[in-house]
Amino acid sequence: MKTIQAHLMGKIISSNDSEATSLFNKSCFGAFVKDKIQYSLSEAFFLVEKGKMEIFYKGKKLKKEELMKKFQRIDKKFPLKYLVFKDLRERGYIVKTALKFGADFRVYDKGFRPGEEHAKWVTFVDHESNKITWHEFSAKNRVAHSTKKNLLLAIVDEEGDITYYEVKWVRP
């Protein structure tokens, strides 16, 4: 597989490369928007790390360190969210953004694909030093329940290790 050539324009990373379409069909990276494949920041950074993508900005190929800085300017939580994205993807899950749910990610169970099945989890990422109130926890749980998904809390510690907590509604 040759390296995908993608371009960063504002906050959008996209490619019309045939390899991008091939990888989308095979592994669900990106989403079709008009005639191009558009990537989330996490998807793009993951593919760059794996040597499957090069990202260009104003005709110049960006190094990984430059990308991290640009992505962190776009989303200050990017480094934290990326750790979770990478961990879940490497475990075999398909991970997509969940902006319309007010969450960080939608996560599809292994063997399930977006568009064919619904995501199993709506995921919120946070650092272990941050605190949330019961009201905030309840709001996150309501988002998951109203979208017919389970809540997955991904808590990242100082060393970058991740602990996952799954919350399900139970009827007594």
Protein backbone atom coordinates (compact mmCIF):
# COMPACT_ATOMS: atom_id res chain seq x y z
CA MET A 1 0.00 0.00 0.00
CA LYS A 2 1.37 3.39 -0.92
CA THR A 3 1.19 6.30 1.49
CA ILE A 4 -2.02 8.33 1.44
CA GLN A 5 -1.49 11.98 0.54
CA ALA A 6 -3.85 14.14 2.62
CA HIS A 7 -4.25 17.88 3.02
CA LEU A 8 -5.03 20.00 6.06
CA MET A 9 -7.29 22.97 5.34
CA GLY A 10 -8.42 24.81 8.46
CA LYS A 11 -9.66 22.05 10.75
CA ILE A 12 -10.33 19.54 7.97
CA ILE A 13 -8.03 16.76 6.78
CA SER A 14 -9.05 15.11 3.53
CA SER A 15 -7.77 13.08 0.62
CA ASN A 16 -9.05 12.06 -2.79
CA ASP A 17 -6.26 9.49 -3.10
CA SER A 18 -7.38 6.02 -4.28
CA GLU A 19 -5.48 4.54 -1.32
CA ALA A 20 -7.72 6.56 1.02
CA THR A 21 -10.81 4.94 -0.50
CA SER A 22 -9.21 1.51 -0.27
CA LEU A 23 -8.34 1.98 3.42
CA PHE A 24 -11.83 3.33 4.13
CA ASN A 25 -13.39 0.21 2.59
CA LYS A 26 -11.01 -2.12 4.40
CA SER A 27 -10.67 -0.52 7.86
CA CYS A 28 -13.27 2.28 8.15
CA PHE A 29 -10.75 5.13 8.41
CA GLY A 30 -12.37 8.43 7.48
CA ALA A 31 -15.78 9.22 6.04
CA PHE A 32 -16.94 10.06 2.53
CA VAL A 33 -17.74 13.76 2.20
CA LYS A 34 -18.61 14.69 -1.37
CA ASP A 35 -15.87 13.08 -3.48
CA LYS A 36 -13.19 12.90 -0.78
CA ILE A 37 -12.38 10.95 2.35
CA GLN A 38 -12.38 13.24 5.38
CA TYR A 39 -10.53 12.26 8.56
CA SER A 40 -10.90 13.12 12.21
CA LEU A 41 -7.77 14.53 13.86
CA SER A 42 -7.23 11.24 15.71
CA GLU A 43 -7.65 9.09 12.60
CA ALA A 44 -5.19 11.23 10.66
CA PHE A 45 -2.57 11.29 13.43
CA PHE A 46 -2.89 7.52 13.90
CA LEU A 47 -2.34 6.91 10.18
CA VAL A 48 0.66 9.26 10.17
CA GLU A 49 2.15 7.39 13.14
CA LYS A 50 1.64 4.08 11.33
CA GLY A 51 3.37 5.44 8.20
CA LYS A 52 0.19 5.13 6.12
CA MET A 53 -0.42 8.85 5.59
CA GLU A 54 1.42 12.09 4.91
CA ILE A 55 -0.34 15.37 5.63
CA PHE A 56 0.41 18.52 3.67
CA TYR A 57 -0.38 22.09 4.68
CA LYS A 58 0.07 24.84 2.09
CA GLY A 59 2.18 22.48 -0.03
CA LYS A 60 4.52 21.49 2.82
CA LYS A 61 4.62 18.02 4.37
CA LEU A 62 4.07 18.30 8.12
CA LYS A 63 6.17 16.38 10.63
CA LYS A 64 4.50 14.50 13.46
CA GLU A 65 5.55 17.14 16.01
CA GLU A 66 4.08 19.94 13.86
CA LEU A 67 0.83 18.00 13.50
CA MET A 68 0.57 17.50 17.25
CA LYS A 69 0.94 21.25 17.82
CA LYS A 70 -1.62 22.13 15.12
CA PHE A 71 -4.10 19.53 16.34
CA GLN A 72 -3.69 20.67 19.94
CA ARG A 73 -4.49 24.24 18.84
CA ILE A 74 -7.67 22.93 17.21
CA ASP A 75 -8.60 20.76 20.22
CA LYS A 76 -6.78 21.34 23.52
CA LYS A 77 -7.78 17.82 24.68
CA PHE A 78 -6.29 16.22 21.56
CA PRO A 79 -3.25 14.55 23.23
CA LEU A 80 -5.50 12.93 25.85
CA LYS A 81 -8.18 11.90 23.37
CA TYR A 82 -5.58 10.56 20.97
CA LEU A 83 -4.18 8.17 23.61
CA VAL A 84 -7.66 6.67 24.00
CA PHE A 85 -8.31 6.57 20.24
CA LYS A 86 -5.00 4.80 19.62
CA ASP A 87 -5.57 2.29 22.43
CA LEU A 88 -9.06 1.38 21.23
CA ARG A 89 -8.05 1.16 17.56
CA GLU A 90 -5.10 -1.08 18.41
CA ARG A 91 -7.50 -3.33 20.35
CA GLY A 92 -9.55 -3.76 17.16
CA TYR A 93 -12.42 -1.33 17.72
CA ILE A 94 -13.62 1.20 15.18
CA VAL A 95 -13.62 4.66 16.75
CA LYS A 96 -15.44 7.67 15.30
CA THR A 97 -16.14 11.17 16.57
CA ALA A 98 -19.29 11.80 18.59
CA LEU A 99 -19.56 15.57 18.38
CA LYS A 100 -23.28 15.48 17.63
CA PHE A 101 -23.77 13.60 20.92
CA GLY A 102 -21.59 16.03 22.88
CA ALA A 103 -19.15 13.17 23.53
CA ASP A 104 -15.61 12.44 22.42
CA PHE A 105 -16.10 9.17 20.52
CA ARG A 106 -18.53 6.54 19.30
CA VAL A 107 -16.99 3.10 19.59
CA TYR A 108 -18.16 0.14 17.54
CA ASP A 109 -17.82 -3.36 18.92
CA LYS A 110 -15.34 -5.63 17.19
CA GLY A 111 -16.64 -6.87 13.86
CA PHE A 112 -19.20 -4.07 13.49
CA ARG A 113 -18.96 -1.22 10.99
CA PRO A 114 -20.43 2.30 10.96
CA GLY A 115 -23.43 2.51 8.68
CA GLU A 116 -24.17 -1.19 9.09
CA GLU A 117 -24.60 -1.27 12.87
CA HIS A 118 -24.91 1.24 15.68
CA ALA A 119 -22.01 2.03 17.97
CA LYS A 120 -21.99 0.10 21.25
CA TRP A 121 -20.50 2.92 23.34
CA VAL A 122 -20.51 6.68 23.56
CA THR A 123 -17.15 7.60 25.10
CA PHE A 124 -15.97 10.49 27.22
CA VAL A 125 -12.25 10.99 27.83
CA ASP A 126 -10.83 12.72 30.88
CA HIS A 127 -7.67 12.96 32.96
CA GLU A 128 -7.64 11.29 36.37
CA SER A 129 -6.96 14.63 38.09
CA ASN A 130 -10.21 16.16 36.79
CA LYS A 131 -13.36 15.85 38.83
CA ILE A 132 -16.93 15.72 37.61
CA THR A 133 -20.10 16.27 39.61
CA TRP A 134 -22.94 13.78 39.90
CA HIS A 135 -24.92 16.15 37.69
CA GLU A 136 -22.24 15.94 34.95
CA PHE A 137 -22.04 12.16 35.33
CA SER A 138 -25.81 11.91 35.06
CA ALA A 139 -25.79 14.08 31.91
CA LYS A 140 -23.18 11.82 30.28
CA ASN A 141 -25.21 8.76 31.21
CA ARG A 142 -28.38 10.31 29.76
CA VAL A 143 -26.60 11.00 26.47
CA ALA A 144 -25.58 7.36 26.27
CA HIS A 145 -29.03 6.08 27.22
CA SER A 146 -30.90 8.41 24.84
CA THR A 147 -28.71 7.26 21.93
CA LYS A 148 -29.15 3.57 22.89
CA LYS A 149 -25.49 3.14 23.71
CA ASN A 150 -23.56 2.27 26.82
CA LEU A 151 -21.46 4.92 28.50
CA LEU A 152 -17.70 4.32 28.35
CA LEU A 153 -15.55 6.56 30.52
CA ALA A 154 -11.87 6.55 29.54
CA ILE A 155 -9.72 7.88 32.36
CA VAL A 156 -6.08 8.63 31.56
CA ASP A 157 -3.51 8.75 34.38
CA GLU A 158 -0.22 10.65 34.69
CA GLU A 159 1.70 7.84 32.99
CA GLY A 160 -0.69 7.73 30.03
CA ASP A 161 -2.32 4.47 31.13
CA ILE A 162 -6.05 4.24 30.50
CA THR A 163 -8.75 2.75 32.70
CA TYR A 164 -12.16 2.17 31.14
CA TYR A 165 -15.44 2.22 33.05
CA GLU A 166 -18.56 0.98 31.31
CA VAL A 167 -21.91 2.19 32.63
CA LYS A 168 -25.13 0.47 31.67
CA TRP A 169 -28.73 1.18 32.64
CA VAL A 170 -30.32 -1.61 34.64
CA ARG A 171 -33.98 -2.03 35.40
CA PRO A 172 -34.49 -3.59 38.87
